[in-house]
Amino acid sequence: MATSTGNQRFVDEITREIIQPGVERLMESRYFTALRAGELTVRQLGGFAIQHYIAAL
């Protein structure tokens, strides 16, 4: 059981120190700010789609 607790603490630490700050920075980006405000243009959406497609290759 000690290993399971150690693993959970490791996962919690990774989530707190790496994942959460990354998500916060992403949600503060210009794209998501415009999306939440309802101001995202078709051009911005197209640019995001192209970047996402290229990154997935």
PDB file of N, CA and C in Angstrom:
ATOM      1  N   MET A   1       0.802  -1.207   0.000  1.00  0.00           N
ATOM      2  CA  MET A   1       0.000   0.000   0.000  1.00  0.00           C
ATOM      3  C   MET A   1       0.843   1.269   0.000  1.00  0.00           C
ATOM      4  N   ALA A   2       2.016   1.231   0.587  1.00  0.00           N
ATOM      5  CA  ALA A   2       2.868   2.416   0.640  1.00  0.00           C
ATOM      6  C   ALA A   2       3.215   2.891  -0.757  1.00  0.00           C
ATOM      7  N   THR A   3       3.411   1.955  -1.678  1.00  0.00           N
ATOM      8  CA  THR A   3       3.732   2.314  -3.058  1.00  0.00           C
ATOM      9  C   THR A   3       2.558   3.043  -3.695  1.00  0.00           C
ATOM     10  N   SER A   4       1.358   2.567  -3.432  1.00  0.00           N
ATOM     11  CA  SER A   4       0.171   3.212  -3.993  1.00  0.00           C
ATOM     12  C   SER A   4       0.045   4.649  -3.494  1.00  0.00           C
ATOM     13  N   THR A   5       0.297   4.865  -2.222  1.00  0.00           N
ATOM     14  CA  THR A   5       0.239   6.210  -1.653  1.00  0.00           C
ATOM     15  C   THR A   5       1.330   7.092  -2.252  1.00  0.00           C
ATOM     16  N   GLY A   6       2.523   6.519  -2.399  1.00  0.00           N
ATOM     17  CA  GLY A   6       3.625   7.255  -3.013  1.00  0.00           C
ATOM     18  C   GLY A   6       3.315   7.633  -4.442  1.00  0.00           C
ATOM     19  N   ASN A   7       2.715   6.702  -5.173  1.00  0.00           N
ATOM     20  CA  ASN A   7       2.344   6.983  -6.560  1.00  0.00           C
ATOM     21  C   ASN A   7       1.302   8.090  -6.633  1.00  0.00           C
ATOM     22  N   GLN A   8       0.328   8.052  -5.742  1.00  0.00           N
ATOM     23  CA  GLN A   8      -0.722   9.070  -5.746  1.00  0.00           C
ATOM     24  C   GLN A   8      -0.141  10.437  -5.414  1.00  0.00           C
ATOM     25  N   ARG A   9       0.782  10.491  -4.465  1.00  0.00           N
ATOM     26  CA  ARG A   9       1.420  11.763  -4.134  1.00  0.00           C
ATOM     27  C   ARG A   9       2.208  12.299  -5.325  1.00  0.00           C
ATOM     28  N   PHE A  10       2.884  11.386  -6.049  1.00  0.00           N
ATOM     29  CA  PHE A  10       3.636  11.785  -7.241  1.00  0.00           C
ATOM     30  C   PHE A  10       2.696  12.358  -8.294  1.00  0.00           C
ATOM     31  N   VAL A  11       1.595  11.677  -8.540  1.00  0.00           N
ATOM     32  CA  VAL A  11       0.608  12.147  -9.522  1.00  0.00           C
ATOM     33  C   VAL A  11       0.035  13.492  -9.094  1.00  0.00           C
ATOM     34  N   ASP A  12      -0.286  13.626  -7.817  1.00  0.00           N
ATOM     35  CA  ASP A  12      -0.819  14.902  -7.309  1.00  0.00           C
ATOM     36  C   ASP A  12       0.192  16.033  -7.492  1.00  0.00           C
ATOM     37  N   GLU A  13       1.468  15.740  -7.243  1.00  0.00           N
ATOM     38  CA  GLU A  13       2.512  16.751  -7.388  1.00  0.00           C
ATOM     39  C   GLU A  13       2.678  17.170  -8.850  1.00  0.00           C
ATOM     40  N   ILE A  14       2.674  16.203  -9.756  1.00  0.00           N
ATOM     41  CA  ILE A  14       2.781  16.506 -11.191  1.00  0.00           C
ATOM     42  C   ILE A  14       1.594  17.355 -11.634  1.00  0.00           C
ATOM     43  N   THR A  15       0.415  16.971 -11.183  1.00  0.00           N
ATOM     44  CA  THR A  15      -0.794  17.724 -11.533  1.00  0.00           C
ATOM     45  C   THR A  15      -0.696  19.159 -11.032  1.00  0.00           C
ATOM     46  N   ARG A  16      -0.278  19.340  -9.784  1.00  0.00           N
ATOM     47  CA  ARG A  16      -0.210  20.666  -9.168  1.00  0.00           C
ATOM     48  C   ARG A  16       0.892  21.538  -9.771  1.00  0.00           C
ATOM     49  N   GLU A  17       2.052  20.945 -10.063  1.00  0.00           N
ATOM     50  CA  GLU A  17       3.203  21.744 -10.488  1.00  0.00           C
ATOM     51  C   GLU A  17       3.347  21.901 -12.002  1.00  0.00           C
ATOM     52  N   ILE A  18       2.786  20.975 -12.771  1.00  0.00           N
ATOM     53  CA  ILE A  18       2.972  21.027 -14.223  1.00  0.00           C
ATOM     54  C   ILE A  18       1.652  21.210 -14.969  1.00  0.00           C
ATOM     55  N   ILE A  19       0.691  20.363 -14.685  1.00  0.00           N
ATOM     56  CA  ILE A  19      -0.550  20.365 -15.473  1.00  0.00           C
ATOM     57  C   ILE A  19      -1.399  21.600 -15.192  1.00  0.00           C
ATOM     58  N   GLN A  20      -1.676  21.889 -13.917  1.00  0.00           N
ATOM     59  CA  GLN A  20      -2.534  23.035 -13.590  1.00  0.00           C
ATOM     60  C   GLN A  20      -1.969  24.363 -14.094  1.00  0.00           C
ATOM     61  N   PRO A  21      -0.667  24.664 -13.884  1.00  0.00           N
ATOM     62  CA  PRO A  21      -0.148  25.920 -14.431  1.00  0.00           C
ATOM     63  C   PRO A  21      -0.252  25.982 -15.962  1.00  0.00           C
ATOM     64  N   GLY A  22      -0.054  24.844 -16.621  1.00  0.00           N
ATOM     65  CA  GLY A  22      -0.180  24.817 -18.080  1.00  0.00           C
ATOM     66  C   GLY A  22      -1.596  25.102 -18.531  1.00  0.00           C
ATOM     67  N   VAL A  23      -2.555  24.505 -17.852  1.00  0.00           N
ATOM     68  CA  VAL A  23      -3.966  24.739 -18.184  1.00  0.00           C
ATOM     69  C   VAL A  23      -4.328  26.199 -17.947  1.00  0.00           C
ATOM     70  N   GLU A  24      -3.854  26.763 -16.837  1.00  0.00           N
ATOM     71  CA  GLU A  24      -4.144  28.172 -16.555  1.00  0.00           C
ATOM     72  C   GLU A  24      -3.557  29.088 -17.625  1.00  0.00           C
ATOM     73  N   ARG A  25      -2.314  28.824 -18.052  1.00  0.00           N
ATOM     74  CA  ARG A  25      -1.707  29.643 -19.109  1.00  0.00           C
ATOM     75  C   ARG A  25      -2.468  29.482 -20.421  1.00  0.00           C
ATOM     76  N   LEU A  26      -2.887  28.264 -20.719  1.00  0.00           N
ATOM     77  CA  LEU A  26      -3.634  28.023 -21.951  1.00  0.00           C
ATOM     78  C   LEU A  26      -4.958  28.777 -21.936  1.00  0.00           C
ATOM     79  N   MET A  27      -5.674  28.722 -20.815  1.00  0.00           N
ATOM     80  CA  MET A  27      -6.970  29.377 -20.736  1.00  0.00           C
ATOM     81  C   MET A  27      -6.853  30.903 -20.756  1.00  0.00           C
ATOM     82  N   GLU A  28      -5.668  31.439 -20.434  1.00  0.00           N
ATOM     83  CA  GLU A  28      -5.446  32.884 -20.501  1.00  0.00           C
ATOM     84  C   GLU A  28      -4.967  33.331 -21.876  1.00  0.00           C
ATOM     85  N   SER A  29      -4.775  32.388 -22.785  1.00  0.00           N
ATOM     86  CA  SER A  29      -4.280  32.744 -24.117  1.00  0.00           C
ATOM     87  C   SER A  29      -5.327  33.559 -24.877  1.00  0.00           C
ATOM     88  N   ARG A  30      -4.856  34.256 -25.884  1.00  0.00           N
ATOM     89  CA  ARG A  30      -5.726  35.130 -26.679  1.00  0.00           C
ATOM     90  C   ARG A  30      -6.877  34.339 -27.312  1.00  0.00           C
ATOM     91  N   TYR A  31      -6.598  33.115 -27.784  1.00  0.00           N
ATOM     92  CA  TYR A  31      -7.624  32.290 -28.429  1.00  0.00           C
ATOM     93  C   TYR A  31      -8.779  32.003 -27.460  1.00  0.00           C
ATOM     94  N   PHE A  32      -8.448  31.475 -26.278  1.00  0.00           N
ATOM     95  CA  PHE A  32      -9.506  31.104 -25.343  1.00  0.00           C
ATOM     96  C   PHE A  32     -10.181  32.320 -24.722  1.00  0.00           C
ATOM     97  N   THR A  33      -9.458  33.418 -24.585  1.00  0.00           N
ATOM     98  CA  THR A  33     -10.069  34.655 -24.095  1.00  0.00           C
ATOM     99  C   THR A  33     -11.125  35.129 -25.095  1.00  0.00           C
ATOM    100  N   ALA A  34     -10.785  35.134 -26.378  1.00  0.00           N
ATOM    101  CA  ALA A  34     -11.740  35.543 -27.419  1.00  0.00           C
ATOM    102  C   ALA A  34     -12.901  34.558 -27.507  1.00  0.00           C
ATOM    103  N   LEU A  35     -12.619  33.272 -27.361  1.00  0.00           N
ATOM    104  CA  LEU A  35     -13.671  32.248 -27.419  1.00  0.00           C
ATOM    105  C   LEU A  35     -14.683  32.467 -26.292  1.00  0.00           C
ATOM    106  N   ARG A  36     -14.195  32.666 -25.070  1.00  0.00           N
ATOM    107  CA  ARG A  36     -15.100  32.885 -23.932  1.00  0.00           C
ATOM    108  C   ARG A  36     -15.904  34.170 -24.079  1.00  0.00           C
ATOM    109  N   ALA A  37     -15.294  35.182 -24.681  1.00  0.00           N
ATOM    110  CA  ALA A  37     -15.980  36.473 -24.846  1.00  0.00           C
ATOM    111  C   ALA A  37     -16.936  36.471 -26.034  1.00  0.00           C
ATOM    112  N   GLY A  38     -16.928  35.395 -26.826  1.00  0.00           N
ATOM    113  CA  GLY A  38     -17.786  35.331 -28.005  1.00  0.00           C
ATOM    114  C   GLY A  38     -17.269  36.187 -29.142  1.00  0.00           C
ATOM    115  N   GLU A  39     -15.961  36.467 -29.147  1.00  0.00           N
ATOM    116  CA  GLU A  39     -15.362  37.352 -30.150  1.00  0.00           C
ATOM    117  C   GLU A  39     -14.402  36.615 -31.088  1.00  0.00           C
ATOM    118  N   LEU A  40     -14.437  35.309 -31.100  1.00  0.00           N
ATOM    119  CA  LEU A  40     -13.535  34.532 -31.948  1.00  0.00           C
ATOM    120  C   LEU A  40     -13.982  34.640 -33.406  1.00  0.00           C
ATOM    121  N   THR A  41     -13.064  35.049 -34.272  1.00  0.00           N
ATOM    122  CA  THR A  41     -13.408  35.198 -35.684  1.00  0.00           C
ATOM    123  C   THR A  41     -13.227  33.865 -36.406  1.00  0.00           C
ATOM    124  N   VAL A  42     -13.821  33.766 -37.577  1.00  0.00           N
ATOM    125  CA  VAL A  42     -13.674  32.570 -38.401  1.00  0.00           C
ATOM    126  C   VAL A  42     -12.205  32.389 -38.782  1.00  0.00           C
ATOM    127  N   ARG A  43     -11.512  33.486 -39.027  1.00  0.00           N
ATOM    128  CA  ARG A  43     -10.092  33.409 -39.383  1.00  0.00           C
ATOM    129  C   ARG A  43      -9.270  32.829 -38.226  1.00  0.00           C
ATOM    130  N   GLN A  44      -9.541  33.284 -37.000  1.00  0.00           N
ATOM    131  CA  GLN A  44      -8.829  32.751 -35.833  1.00  0.00           C
ATOM    132  C   GLN A  44      -9.124  31.267 -35.641  1.00  0.00           C
ATOM    133  N   LEU A  45     -10.372  30.893 -35.809  1.00  0.00           N
ATOM    134  CA  LEU A  45     -10.743  29.489 -35.675  1.00  0.00           C
ATOM    135  C   LEU A  45     -10.050  28.639 -36.732  1.00  0.00           C
ATOM    136  N   GLY A  46      -9.988  29.151 -37.950  1.00  0.00           N
ATOM    137  CA  GLY A  46      -9.282  28.438 -39.023  1.00  0.00           C
ATOM    138  C   GLY A  46      -7.803  28.298 -38.727  1.00  0.00           C
ATOM    139  N   GLY A  47      -7.181  29.350 -38.220  1.00  0.00           N
ATOM    140  CA  GLY A  47      -5.768  29.286 -37.861  1.00  0.00           C
ATOM    141  C   GLY A  47      -5.518  28.263 -36.770  1.00  0.00           C
ATOM    142  N   PHE A  48      -6.390  28.218 -35.777  1.00  0.00           N
ATOM    143  CA  PHE A  48      -6.262  27.233 -34.715  1.00  0.00           C
ATOM    144  C   PHE A  48      -6.403  25.824 -35.271  1.00  0.00           C
ATOM    145  N   ALA A  49      -7.360  25.627 -36.154  1.00  0.00           N
ATOM    146  CA  ALA A  49      -7.580  24.310 -36.746  1.00  0.00           C
ATOM    147  C   ALA A  49      -6.356  23.846 -37.530  1.00  0.00           C
ATOM    148  N   ILE A  50      -5.751  24.746 -38.279  1.00  0.00           N
ATOM    149  CA  ILE A  50      -4.548  24.396 -39.058  1.00  0.00           C
ATOM    150  C   ILE A  50      -3.404  24.048 -38.106  1.00  0.00           C
ATOM    151  N   GLN A  51      -3.182  24.850 -37.078  1.00  0.00           N
ATOM    152  CA  GLN A  51      -2.113  24.562 -36.110  1.00  0.00           C
ATOM    153  C   GLN A  51      -2.345  23.216 -35.431  1.00  0.00           C
ATOM    154  N   HIS A  52      -3.581  22.936 -35.063  1.00  0.00           N
ATOM    155  CA  HIS A  52      -3.910  21.670 -34.417  1.00  0.00           C
ATOM    156  C   HIS A  52      -3.646  20.497 -35.364  1.00  0.00           C
ATOM    157  N   TYR A  53      -4.032  20.652 -36.614  1.00  0.00           N
ATOM    158  CA  TYR A  53      -3.824  19.600 -37.608  1.00  0.00           C
ATOM    159  C   TYR A  53      -2.336  19.337 -37.804  1.00  0.00           C
ATOM    160  N   ILE A  54      -1.541  20.390 -37.938  1.00  0.00           N
ATOM    161  CA  ILE A  54      -0.096  20.239 -38.159  1.00  0.00           C
ATOM    162  C   ILE A  54       0.555  19.592 -36.934  1.00  0.00           C
ATOM    163  N   ALA A  55       0.147  19.983 -35.745  1.00  0.00           N
ATOM    164  CA  ALA A  55       0.722  19.427 -34.522  1.00  0.00           C
ATOM    165  C   ALA A  55       0.367  17.945 -34.356  1.00  0.00           C
ATOM    166  N   ALA A  56      -0.751  17.537 -34.929  1.00  0.00           N
ATOM    167  CA  ALA A  56      -1.194  16.139 -34.784  1.00  0.00           C
ATOM    168  C   ALA A  56      -0.508  15.214 -35.775  1.00  0.00           C
ATOM    169  N   LEU A  57       0.232  15.769 -36.729  1.00  0.00           N
ATOM    170  CA  LEU A  57       0.899  14.912 -37.721  1.00  0.00           C
ATOM    171  C   LEU A  57       2.042  14.146 -37.140  1.00  0.00           C
TER     172      LEU A  57
END
